[in-house]
Amino acid sequence: MSTQIEQQETETEADEETEPEVESPGDRRRAQRDERQAQEQAQREVEEETLDDEDTITLKVFRYDPEVEGKQEPRFDDFRVPFHKGMTILDALIYARDHYDSSLTFRHSCRQAVCGSDALFVNGRQRLGCKTQISELEDPIRIEPLPHQEVVKDLVVDMEHFYDQMEAVEPYFDADELPEDELEEQRQTRENREKVKMSTRCIWCGACMSSCNIAAGDNEYLGPAAINKAYRFAMDEREGENRKQERLRIIEQEHGVWRCQTQFSCTEVCPKDIPLTEHIQELKREAVKNNLKFW
């Protein structure tokens, strides 16, 4: 009898030892995460070995994140990126983000130098990331956010003040009279169109504002982009005369066109080649003529 009881106890213990453990959902997620991280690490090692046989460039990218402990002190991270003909700064940043650090933050949209969202400070100069060719730069390439603006995270800056300055010049068309027929266009001569054509190319990237030493020291200065926008409407022959006078009064204030010291830095960095300094000087002449009185 005792032998039978001992045999049953032995069988029970054996059953307990062989019974499989139930894996919880949390365990599965952790296992999948560990496996994914191991695969990513292996892929990075393979890519780094491959890079040894390719032309590469080194990006020194500004990093800062006020919401993450350990990243609240600004620093520069190095990324080794494979180079190919026609590669832009934006291409290189996207490669670094997708292959090395998914937390790398920067703005971009159209990738055709139209949206103006990827203006950066590259090798000491304001440039559009999607327009700047890697082949034109010296290695290593130092990439920073636009100067004179508050950094939100990494290469992203707060553009709110820039947009406020643009809105301050009331950048919209306002004619005294409209055509009688609602389907008739508001006509403009070819000569006048040529006069304002370049000013219409502004993409609101903020590069000119960032390069301006006056704007850096005077937070109320309208800045070259806003003044150029005022030029676009003030010089349009279709603008109402009363509206033009109002616009001139806006830009000839203390922090308007007279703060410009004609350093040409805005013109030099404009990615659309707008003659910003020339437009500012022409508005100065218009402001003077506007105040002239003959008795």
C-alpha atoms as a PDB file:
ATOM      1  CA  MET A   1       0.000   0.000   0.000  1.00  0.00           C
ATOM      2  CA  SER A   2       2.774   2.400   0.925  1.00  0.00           C
ATOM      3  CA  THR A   3       4.553   1.520  -2.321  1.00  0.00           C
ATOM      4  CA  GLN A   4       1.431   2.451  -4.316  1.00  0.00           C
ATOM      5  CA  ILE A   5       1.127   5.809  -2.505  1.00  0.00           C
ATOM      6  CA  GLU A   6       4.789   6.609  -3.138  1.00  0.00           C
ATOM      7  CA  GLN A   7       4.340   5.766  -6.846  1.00  0.00           C
ATOM      8  CA  GLN A   8       1.317   8.100  -7.088  1.00  0.00           C
ATOM      9  CA  GLU A   9       3.262  10.934  -5.414  1.00  0.00           C
ATOM     10  CA  THR A  10       6.153  10.402  -7.803  1.00  0.00           C
ATOM     11  CA  GLU A  11       3.813  10.566 -10.815  1.00  0.00           C
ATOM     12  CA  THR A  12       2.208  13.767  -9.467  1.00  0.00           C
ATOM     13  CA  GLU A  13       5.598  15.427  -9.026  1.00  0.00           C
ATOM     14  CA  ALA A  14       6.591  14.386 -12.528  1.00  0.00           C
ATOM     15  CA  ASP A  15       3.370  15.861 -13.940  1.00  0.00           C
ATOM     16  CA  GLU A  16       4.056  19.126 -12.133  1.00  0.00           C
ATOM     17  CA  GLU A  17       7.586  19.280 -13.510  1.00  0.00           C
ATOM     18  CA  THR A  18       6.511  18.665 -17.093  1.00  0.00           C
ATOM     19  CA  GLU A  19       3.506  21.034 -17.044  1.00  0.00           C
ATOM     20  CA  PRO A  20       4.337  23.979 -19.411  1.00  0.00           C
ATOM     21  CA  GLU A  21       4.413  27.502 -17.986  1.00  0.00           C
ATOM     22  CA  VAL A  22       1.785  29.939 -19.343  1.00  0.00           C
ATOM     23  CA  GLU A  23       3.402  33.015 -20.992  1.00  0.00           C
ATOM     24  CA  SER A  24       1.733  36.303 -20.116  1.00  0.00           C
ATOM     25  CA  PRO A  25       1.018  39.022 -22.736  1.00  0.00           C
ATOM     26  CA  GLY A  26       3.624  41.218 -21.047  1.00  0.00           C
ATOM     27  CA  ASP A  27       6.271  38.523 -21.384  1.00  0.00           C
ATOM     28  CA  ARG A  28       5.454  38.147 -25.075  1.00  0.00           C
ATOM     29  CA  ARG A  29       5.747  41.883 -25.683  1.00  0.00           C
ATOM     30  CA  ARG A  30       9.078  42.051 -23.870  1.00  0.00           C
ATOM     31  CA  ALA A  31      10.387  39.091 -25.828  1.00  0.00           C
ATOM     32  CA  GLN A  32       9.273  40.662 -29.113  1.00  0.00           C
ATOM     33  CA  ARG A  33      10.886  43.950 -28.144  1.00  0.00           C
ATOM     34  CA  ASP A  34      14.170  42.285 -27.235  1.00  0.00           C
ATOM     35  CA  GLU A  35      14.130  40.338 -30.493  1.00  0.00           C
ATOM     36  CA  ARG A  36      13.391  43.487 -32.499  1.00  0.00           C
ATOM     37  CA  GLN A  37      16.196  45.415 -30.789  1.00  0.00           C
ATOM     38  CA  ALA A  38      18.607  42.557 -31.449  1.00  0.00           C
ATOM     39  CA  GLN A  39      17.635  42.538 -35.122  1.00  0.00           C
ATOM     40  CA  GLU A  40      18.049  46.324 -35.383  1.00  0.00           C
ATOM     41  CA  GLN A  41      21.462  46.131 -33.738  1.00  0.00           C
ATOM     42  CA  ALA A  42      22.519  43.361 -36.105  1.00  0.00           C
ATOM     43  CA  GLN A  43      21.283  45.401 -39.073  1.00  0.00           C
ATOM     44  CA  ARG A  44      23.218  48.468 -37.896  1.00  0.00           C
ATOM     45  CA  GLU A  45      26.385  46.408 -37.582  1.00  0.00           C
ATOM     46  CA  VAL A  46      25.932  45.078 -41.104  1.00  0.00           C
ATOM     47  CA  GLU A  47      25.315  48.598 -42.435  1.00  0.00           C
ATOM     48  CA  GLU A  48      28.393  49.961 -40.658  1.00  0.00           C
ATOM     49  CA  GLU A  49      30.510  47.198 -42.204  1.00  0.00           C
ATOM     50  CA  THR A  50      29.024  48.061 -45.598  1.00  0.00           C
ATOM     51  CA  LEU A  51      29.801  51.745 -45.081  1.00  0.00           C
ATOM     52  CA  ASP A  52      33.498  50.918 -44.887  1.00  0.00           C
ATOM     53  CA  ASP A  53      33.367  50.109 -48.595  1.00  0.00           C
ATOM     54  CA  GLU A  54      31.324  53.208 -49.578  1.00  0.00           C
ATOM     55  CA  ASP A  55      31.805  56.969 -49.775  1.00  0.00           C
ATOM     56  CA  THR A  56      30.466  58.438 -46.562  1.00  0.00           C
ATOM     57  CA  ILE A  57      30.008  61.817 -44.924  1.00  0.00           C
ATOM     58  CA  THR A  58      29.780  62.713 -41.252  1.00  0.00           C
ATOM     59  CA  LEU A  59      26.956  64.822 -39.871  1.00  0.00           C
ATOM     60  CA  LYS A  60      27.498  66.672 -36.614  1.00  0.00           C
ATOM     61  CA  VAL A  61      23.896  67.341 -35.587  1.00  0.00           C
ATOM     62  CA  PHE A  62      22.728  69.612 -32.778  1.00  0.00           C
ATOM     63  CA  ARG A  63      20.665  67.720 -30.187  1.00  0.00           C
ATOM     64  CA  TYR A  64      18.449  69.100 -27.436  1.00  0.00           C
ATOM     65  CA  ASP A  65      15.248  67.908 -25.789  1.00  0.00           C
ATOM     66  CA  PRO A  66      14.008  69.820 -22.709  1.00  0.00           C
ATOM     67  CA  GLU A  67      11.460  67.105 -21.872  1.00  0.00           C
ATOM     68  CA  VAL A  68      13.877  64.175 -21.665  1.00  0.00           C
ATOM     69  CA  GLU A  69      16.296  63.745 -18.770  1.00  0.00           C
ATOM     70  CA  GLY A  70      19.835  63.397 -20.043  1.00  0.00           C
ATOM     71  CA  LYS A  71      19.101  65.426 -23.200  1.00  0.00           C
ATOM     72  CA  GLN A  72      18.418  68.782 -21.575  1.00  0.00           C
ATOM     73  CA  GLU A  73      22.000  69.940 -22.108  1.00  0.00           C
ATOM     74  CA  PRO A  74      22.689  70.808 -25.770  1.00  0.00           C
ATOM     75  CA  ARG A  75      25.218  68.586 -27.510  1.00  0.00           C
ATOM     76  CA  PHE A  76      26.256  67.373 -30.960  1.00  0.00           C
ATOM     77  CA  ASP A  77      25.802  63.787 -32.164  1.00  0.00           C
ATOM     78  CA  ASP A  78      27.807  62.316 -35.040  1.00  0.00           C
ATOM     79  CA  PHE A  79      26.109  60.284 -37.775  1.00  0.00           C
ATOM     80  CA  ARG A  80      28.013  58.508 -40.523  1.00  0.00           C
ATOM     81  CA  VAL A  81      25.888  58.501 -43.673  1.00  0.00           C
ATOM     82  CA  PRO A  82      26.552  56.951 -47.111  1.00  0.00           C
ATOM     83  CA  PHE A  83      26.999  59.585 -49.800  1.00  0.00           C
ATOM     84  CA  HIS A  84      25.644  59.466 -53.336  1.00  0.00           C
ATOM     85  CA  LYS A  85      25.532  62.024 -56.138  1.00  0.00           C
ATOM     86  CA  GLY A  86      22.630  64.441 -55.810  1.00  0.00           C
ATOM     87  CA  MET A  87      22.234  63.854 -52.073  1.00  0.00           C
ATOM     88  CA  THR A  88      20.910  66.796 -50.043  1.00  0.00           C
ATOM     89  CA  ILE A  89      21.180  67.727 -46.384  1.00  0.00           C
ATOM     90  CA  LEU A  90      17.565  66.657 -45.916  1.00  0.00           C
ATOM     91  CA  ASP A  91      18.297  63.254 -47.502  1.00  0.00           C
ATOM     92  CA  ALA A  92      21.182  62.756 -45.080  1.00  0.00           C
ATOM     93  CA  LEU A  93      19.102  63.748 -42.050  1.00  0.00           C
ATOM     94  CA  ILE A  94      16.297  61.382 -43.053  1.00  0.00           C
ATOM     95  CA  TYR A  95      18.832  58.548 -43.414  1.00  0.00           C
ATOM     96  CA  ALA A  96      20.283  59.301 -39.968  1.00  0.00           C
ATOM     97  CA  ARG A  97      16.826  59.373 -38.409  1.00  0.00           C
ATOM     98  CA  ASP A  98      15.613  56.177 -40.091  1.00  0.00           C
ATOM     99  CA  HIS A  99      18.788  54.131 -39.540  1.00  0.00           C
ATOM    100  CA  TYR A 100      20.364  55.417 -36.328  1.00  0.00           C
ATOM    101  CA  ASP A 101      18.083  57.452 -34.083  1.00  0.00           C
ATOM    102  CA  SER A 102      14.324  57.693 -34.615  1.00  0.00           C
ATOM    103  CA  SER A 103      14.127  60.505 -32.022  1.00  0.00           C
ATOM    104  CA  LEU A 104      16.125  62.887 -34.260  1.00  0.00           C
ATOM    105  CA  THR A 105      13.691  65.760 -34.887  1.00  0.00           C
ATOM    106  CA  PHE A 106      13.535  68.222 -37.780  1.00  0.00           C
ATOM    107  CA  ARG A 107      10.875  69.754 -40.021  1.00  0.00           C
ATOM    108  CA  HIS A 108      10.351  68.925 -43.685  1.00  0.00           C
ATOM    109  CA  SER A 109       7.469  68.614 -46.108  1.00  0.00           C
ATOM    110  CA  CYS A 110       7.557  69.192 -49.871  1.00  0.00           C
ATOM    111  CA  ARG A 111      11.289  68.462 -50.451  1.00  0.00           C
ATOM    112  CA  GLN A 112      11.170  70.830 -53.449  1.00  0.00           C
ATOM    113  CA  ALA A 113      12.208  74.170 -51.888  1.00  0.00           C
ATOM    114  CA  VAL A 114       8.613  75.400 -51.839  1.00  0.00           C
ATOM    115  CA  CYS A 115       7.267  74.908 -48.309  1.00  0.00           C
ATOM    116  CA  GLY A 116      10.209  76.551 -46.483  1.00  0.00           C
ATOM    117  CA  SER A 117       9.865  74.262 -43.453  1.00  0.00           C
ATOM    118  CA  ASP A 118      13.410  72.807 -43.468  1.00  0.00           C
ATOM    119  CA  ALA A 119      15.515  75.971 -43.099  1.00  0.00           C
ATOM    120  CA  LEU A 120      18.643  75.081 -41.096  1.00  0.00           C
ATOM    121  CA  PHE A 121      22.020  76.502 -40.087  1.00  0.00           C
ATOM    122  CA  VAL A 122      24.505  74.392 -42.040  1.00  0.00           C
ATOM    123  CA  ASN A 123      28.252  74.971 -41.784  1.00  0.00           C
ATOM    124  CA  GLY A 124      27.660  78.485 -40.473  1.00  0.00           C
ATOM    125  CA  ARG A 125      25.059  79.594 -43.010  1.00  0.00           C
ATOM    126  CA  GLN A 126      21.266  79.588 -43.268  1.00  0.00           C
ATOM    127  CA  ARG A 127      20.190  77.088 -45.950  1.00  0.00           C
ATOM    128  CA  LEU A 128      17.233  74.975 -47.047  1.00  0.00           C
ATOM    129  CA  GLY A 129      17.926  71.321 -46.239  1.00  0.00           C
ATOM    130  CA  CYS A 130      16.154  70.032 -49.351  1.00  0.00           C
ATOM    131  CA  LYS A 131      18.013  72.412 -51.659  1.00  0.00           C
ATOM    132  CA  THR A 132      21.547  72.158 -50.274  1.00  0.00           C
ATOM    133  CA  GLN A 133      23.768  69.610 -51.995  1.00  0.00           C
ATOM    134  CA  ILE A 134      26.135  67.562 -49.837  1.00  0.00           C
ATOM    135  CA  SER A 135      28.757  67.793 -52.586  1.00  0.00           C
ATOM    136  CA  GLU A 136      28.999  71.572 -52.076  1.00  0.00           C
ATOM    137  CA  LEU A 137      29.953  71.273 -48.395  1.00  0.00           C
ATOM    138  CA  GLU A 138      33.064  70.347 -46.468  1.00  0.00           C
ATOM    139  CA  ASP A 139      33.081  67.201 -44.349  1.00  0.00           C
ATOM    140  CA  PRO A 140      32.175  66.991 -41.475  1.00  0.00           C
ATOM    141  CA  ILE A 141      28.905  68.857 -41.950  1.00  0.00           C
ATOM    142  CA  ARG A 142      27.700  70.781 -38.923  1.00  0.00           C
ATOM    143  CA  ILE A 143      23.898  71.120 -38.764  1.00  0.00           C
ATOM    144  CA  GLU A 144      22.194  73.407 -36.243  1.00  0.00           C
ATOM    145  CA  PRO A 145      18.776  75.041 -35.786  1.00  0.00           C
ATOM    146  CA  LEU A 146      18.261  78.597 -37.068  1.00  0.00           C
ATOM    147  CA  PRO A 147      20.056  81.121 -34.824  1.00  0.00           C
ATOM    148  CA  HIS A 148      18.240  83.844 -32.881  1.00  0.00           C
ATOM    149  CA  GLN A 149      15.148  81.691 -32.405  1.00  0.00           C
ATOM    150  CA  GLU A 150      14.052  79.549 -29.477  1.00  0.00           C
ATOM    151  CA  VAL A 151      14.849  75.867 -29.953  1.00  0.00           C
ATOM    152  CA  VAL A 152      11.912  73.545 -29.322  1.00  0.00           C
ATOM    153  CA  LYS A 153      13.740  70.255 -29.905  1.00  0.00           C
ATOM    154  CA  ASP A 154      16.867  69.295 -31.857  1.00  0.00           C
ATOM    155  CA  LEU A 155      16.645  71.218 -35.175  1.00  0.00           C
ATOM    156  CA  VAL A 156      13.102  72.548 -34.663  1.00  0.00           C
ATOM    157  CA  VAL A 157      12.690  76.206 -33.662  1.00  0.00           C
ATOM    158  CA  ASP A 158       9.643  78.181 -32.544  1.00  0.00           C
ATOM    159  CA  MET A 159       8.387  80.159 -35.569  1.00  0.00           C
ATOM    160  CA  GLU A 160       5.498  81.925 -33.815  1.00  0.00           C
ATOM    161  CA  HIS A 161       7.265  85.289 -33.504  1.00  0.00           C
ATOM    162  CA  PHE A 162       8.271  85.171 -37.180  1.00  0.00           C
ATOM    163  CA  TYR A 163       4.666  84.543 -38.219  1.00  0.00           C
ATOM    164  CA  ASP A 164       3.481  87.383 -35.977  1.00  0.00           C
ATOM    165  CA  GLN A 165       5.864  89.770 -37.735  1.00  0.00           C
ATOM    166  CA  MET A 166       4.610  88.616 -41.125  1.00  0.00           C
ATOM    167  CA  GLU A 167       1.011  89.200 -40.087  1.00  0.00           C
ATOM    168  CA  ALA A 168       1.877  92.637 -38.696  1.00  0.00           C
ATOM    169  CA  VAL A 169       2.213  94.090 -42.206  1.00  0.00           C
ATOM    170  CA  GLU A 170      -1.288  92.832 -43.089  1.00  0.00           C
ATOM    171  CA  PRO A 171      -0.140  90.670 -46.038  1.00  0.00           C
ATOM    172  CA  TYR A 172      -3.254  90.576 -48.151  1.00  0.00           C
ATOM    173  CA  PHE A 173      -4.470  92.426 -51.211  1.00  0.00           C
ATOM    174  CA  ASP A 174      -6.959  95.255 -50.763  1.00  0.00           C
ATOM    175  CA  ALA A 175      -8.165  97.245 -53.788  1.00  0.00           C
ATOM    176  CA  ASP A 176     -10.285 100.402 -53.697  1.00  0.00           C
ATOM    177  CA  GLU A 177     -12.480  99.175 -56.529  1.00  0.00           C
ATOM    178  CA  LEU A 178     -13.341  95.758 -57.899  1.00  0.00           C
ATOM    179  CA  PRO A 179     -14.433  94.943 -61.473  1.00  0.00           C
ATOM    180  CA  GLU A 180     -18.161  95.262 -62.055  1.00  0.00           C
ATOM    181  CA  ASP A 181     -18.394  91.746 -63.420  1.00  0.00           C
ATOM    182  CA  GLU A 182     -17.542  89.220 -60.679  1.00  0.00           C
ATOM    183  CA  LEU A 183     -15.965  86.964 -63.325  1.00  0.00           C
ATOM    184  CA  GLU A 184     -13.671  89.705 -64.599  1.00  0.00           C
ATOM    185  CA  GLU A 185     -10.053  89.557 -63.447  1.00  0.00           C
ATOM    186  CA  GLN A 186      -8.232  92.301 -61.551  1.00  0.00           C
ATOM    187  CA  ARG A 187      -5.925  93.457 -64.352  1.00  0.00           C
ATOM    188  CA  GLN A 188      -2.237  94.245 -63.880  1.00  0.00           C
ATOM    189  CA  THR A 189       0.275  95.498 -66.435  1.00  0.00           C
ATOM    190  CA  ARG A 190       3.207  93.293 -67.380  1.00  0.00           C
ATOM    191  CA  GLU A 191       5.642  95.974 -66.213  1.00  0.00           C
ATOM    192  CA  ASN A 192       4.103  96.105 -62.775  1.00  0.00           C
ATOM    193  CA  ARG A 193       4.016  92.335 -62.544  1.00  0.00           C
ATOM    194  CA  GLU A 194       7.740  92.211 -63.290  1.00  0.00           C
ATOM    195  CA  LYS A 195       8.332  94.795 -60.587  1.00  0.00           C
ATOM    196  CA  VAL A 196       6.729  92.732 -57.804  1.00  0.00           C
ATOM    197  CA  LYS A 197       7.462  89.261 -59.227  1.00  0.00           C
ATOM    198  CA  MET A 198      10.519  88.453 -57.116  1.00  0.00           C
ATOM    199  CA  SER A 199       8.839  89.580 -53.901  1.00  0.00           C
ATOM    200  CA  THR A 200       6.066  87.014 -54.430  1.00  0.00           C
ATOM    201  CA  ARG A 201       8.554  84.127 -54.237  1.00  0.00           C
ATOM    202  CA  CYS A 202       8.923  84.293 -50.443  1.00  0.00           C
ATOM    203  CA  ILE A 203       8.260  80.871 -48.862  1.00  0.00           C
ATOM    204  CA  TRP A 204       8.254  82.060 -45.212  1.00  0.00           C
ATOM    205  CA  CYS A 205      11.295  79.933 -44.305  1.00  0.00           C
ATOM    206  CA  GLY A 206      12.722  82.492 -41.841  1.00  0.00           C
ATOM    207  CA  ALA A 207      16.308  82.220 -43.119  1.00  0.00           C
ATOM    208  CA  CYS A 208      16.580  85.966 -43.738  1.00  0.00           C
ATOM    209  CA  MET A 209      15.219  86.845 -40.297  1.00  0.00           C
ATOM    210  CA  SER A 210      17.688  84.444 -38.682  1.00  0.00           C
ATOM    211  CA  SER A 211      20.642  86.018 -40.523  1.00  0.00           C
ATOM    212  CA  CYS A 212      19.686  89.607 -39.640  1.00  0.00           C
ATOM    213  CA  ASN A 213      21.780  91.126 -36.845  1.00  0.00           C
ATOM    214  CA  ILE A 214      19.217  93.879 -36.338  1.00  0.00           C
ATOM    215  CA  ALA A 215      16.411  91.365 -35.793  1.00  0.00           C
ATOM    216  CA  ALA A 216      18.655  89.495 -33.343  1.00  0.00           C
ATOM    217  CA  GLY A 217      18.994  92.603 -31.181  1.00  0.00           C
ATOM    218  CA  ASP A 218      15.559  94.148 -31.711  1.00  0.00           C
ATOM    219  CA  ASN A 219      12.687  91.765 -31.114  1.00  0.00           C
ATOM    220  CA  GLU A 220      10.186  94.334 -32.441  1.00  0.00           C
ATOM    221  CA  TYR A 221      11.921  94.868 -35.784  1.00  0.00           C
ATOM    222  CA  LEU A 222       9.597  93.709 -38.560  1.00  0.00           C
ATOM    223  CA  GLY A 223      12.457  91.968 -40.333  1.00  0.00           C
ATOM    224  CA  PRO A 224      13.307  91.500 -44.021  1.00  0.00           C
ATOM    225  CA  ALA A 225      10.650  88.862 -44.770  1.00  0.00           C
ATOM    226  CA  ALA A 226       7.775  90.947 -43.409  1.00  0.00           C
ATOM    227  CA  ILE A 227       9.011  94.118 -45.112  1.00  0.00           C
ATOM    228  CA  ASN A 228       9.360  92.225 -48.381  1.00  0.00           C
ATOM    229  CA  LYS A 229       5.756  91.083 -48.002  1.00  0.00           C
ATOM    230  CA  ALA A 230       4.713  94.703 -47.483  1.00  0.00           C
ATOM    231  CA  TYR A 231       6.654  95.616 -50.631  1.00  0.00           C
ATOM    232  CA  ARG A 232       4.769  92.992 -52.612  1.00  0.00           C
ATOM    233  CA  PHE A 233       1.428  94.733 -51.937  1.00  0.00           C
ATOM    234  CA  ALA A 234       2.534  98.372 -51.632  1.00  0.00           C
ATOM    235  CA  MET A 235       4.128  98.237 -55.088  1.00  0.00           C
ATOM    236  CA  ASP A 236       1.211  96.447 -56.724  1.00  0.00           C
ATOM    237  CA  GLU A 237      -0.643  98.947 -58.914  1.00  0.00           C
ATOM    238  CA  ARG A 238      -3.949  97.257 -58.122  1.00  0.00           C
ATOM    239  CA  GLU A 239      -3.664  98.131 -54.426  1.00  0.00           C
ATOM    240  CA  GLY A 240      -5.923 100.983 -53.324  1.00  0.00           C
ATOM    241  CA  GLU A 241      -4.168 104.304 -52.729  1.00  0.00           C
ATOM    242  CA  ASN A 242      -5.553 104.699 -49.213  1.00  0.00           C
ATOM    243  CA  ARG A 243      -4.520 101.136 -48.402  1.00  0.00           C
ATOM    244  CA  LYS A 244      -1.028 101.783 -49.723  1.00  0.00           C
ATOM    245  CA  GLN A 245      -0.674 104.814 -47.450  1.00  0.00           C
ATOM    246  CA  GLU A 246      -1.757 102.731 -44.470  1.00  0.00           C
ATOM    247  CA  ARG A 247       0.776 100.052 -45.343  1.00  0.00           C
ATOM    248  CA  LEU A 248       3.568 102.618 -45.668  1.00  0.00           C
ATOM    249  CA  ARG A 249       2.703 103.965 -42.232  1.00  0.00           C
ATOM    250  CA  ILE A 250       3.128 100.444 -40.836  1.00  0.00           C
ATOM    251  CA  ILE A 251       6.571  99.884 -42.321  1.00  0.00           C
ATOM    252  CA  GLU A 252       7.962 103.392 -41.667  1.00  0.00           C
ATOM    253  CA  GLN A 253       7.473 103.087 -37.915  1.00  0.00           C
ATOM    254  CA  GLU A 254      10.435 103.049 -35.509  1.00  0.00           C
ATOM    255  CA  HIS A 255      10.918  99.266 -35.850  1.00  0.00           C
ATOM    256  CA  GLY A 256      10.249  99.196 -39.589  1.00  0.00           C
ATOM    257  CA  VAL A 257      12.388  99.911 -42.654  1.00  0.00           C
ATOM    258  CA  TRP A 258      14.558 102.519 -40.917  1.00  0.00           C
ATOM    259  CA  ARG A 259      16.083  99.894 -38.635  1.00  0.00           C
ATOM    260  CA  CYS A 260      17.690  98.169 -41.633  1.00  0.00           C
ATOM    261  CA  GLN A 261      21.436  98.910 -41.823  1.00  0.00           C
ATOM    262  CA  THR A 262      21.884  97.532 -45.363  1.00  0.00           C
ATOM    263  CA  GLN A 263      24.149  94.619 -44.443  1.00  0.00           C
ATOM    264  CA  PHE A 264      22.788  92.424 -47.274  1.00  0.00           C
ATOM    265  CA  SER A 265      22.910  89.293 -45.055  1.00  0.00           C
ATOM    266  CA  CYS A 266      19.223  88.620 -45.749  1.00  0.00           C
ATOM    267  CA  THR A 267      19.748  88.822 -49.494  1.00  0.00           C
ATOM    268  CA  GLU A 268      22.770  86.512 -49.340  1.00  0.00           C
ATOM    269  CA  VAL A 269      20.949  83.665 -47.555  1.00  0.00           C
ATOM    270  CA  CYS A 270      17.552  83.888 -49.287  1.00  0.00           C
ATOM    271  CA  PRO A 271      16.979  80.476 -50.954  1.00  0.00           C
ATOM    272  CA  LYS A 272      14.697  82.071 -53.574  1.00  0.00           C
ATOM    273  CA  ASP A 273      17.174  84.822 -54.533  1.00  0.00           C
ATOM    274  CA  ILE A 274      14.830  87.655 -53.580  1.00  0.00           C
ATOM    275  CA  PRO A 275      16.643  91.048 -53.538  1.00  0.00           C
ATOM    276  CA  LEU A 276      15.393  91.777 -50.018  1.00  0.00           C
ATOM    277  CA  THR A 277      17.780  94.626 -49.231  1.00  0.00           C
ATOM    278  CA  GLU A 278      16.889  96.360 -52.495  1.00  0.00           C
ATOM    279  CA  HIS A 279      13.180  96.111 -51.701  1.00  0.00           C
ATOM    280  CA  ILE A 280      13.739  97.568 -48.234  1.00  0.00           C
ATOM    281  CA  GLN A 281      15.648 100.517 -49.679  1.00  0.00           C
ATOM    282  CA  GLU A 282      12.922 101.179 -52.242  1.00  0.00           C
ATOM    283  CA  LEU A 283      10.315 101.254 -49.487  1.00  0.00           C
ATOM    284  CA  LYS A 284      12.476 103.778 -47.634  1.00  0.00           C
ATOM    285  CA  ARG A 285      12.348 106.015 -50.703  1.00  0.00           C
ATOM    286  CA  GLU A 286       8.572 105.567 -50.921  1.00  0.00           C
ATOM    287  CA  ALA A 287       8.225 106.496 -47.251  1.00  0.00           C
ATOM    288  CA  VAL A 288      10.247 109.670 -47.800  1.00  0.00           C
ATOM    289  CA  LYS A 289       8.178 110.666 -50.843  1.00  0.00           C
ATOM    290  CA  ASN A 290       5.024 109.930 -48.889  1.00  0.00           C
ATOM    291  CA  ASN A 291       5.982 112.502 -46.246  1.00  0.00           C
ATOM    292  CA  LEU A 292       7.127 115.216 -48.657  1.00  0.00           C
ATOM    293  CA  LYS A 293       4.866 118.284 -48.762  1.00  0.00           C
ATOM    294  CA  PHE A 294       4.908 121.152 -51.221  1.00  0.00           C
ATOM    295  CA  TRP A 295       3.439 124.538 -50.364  1.00  0.00           C
END
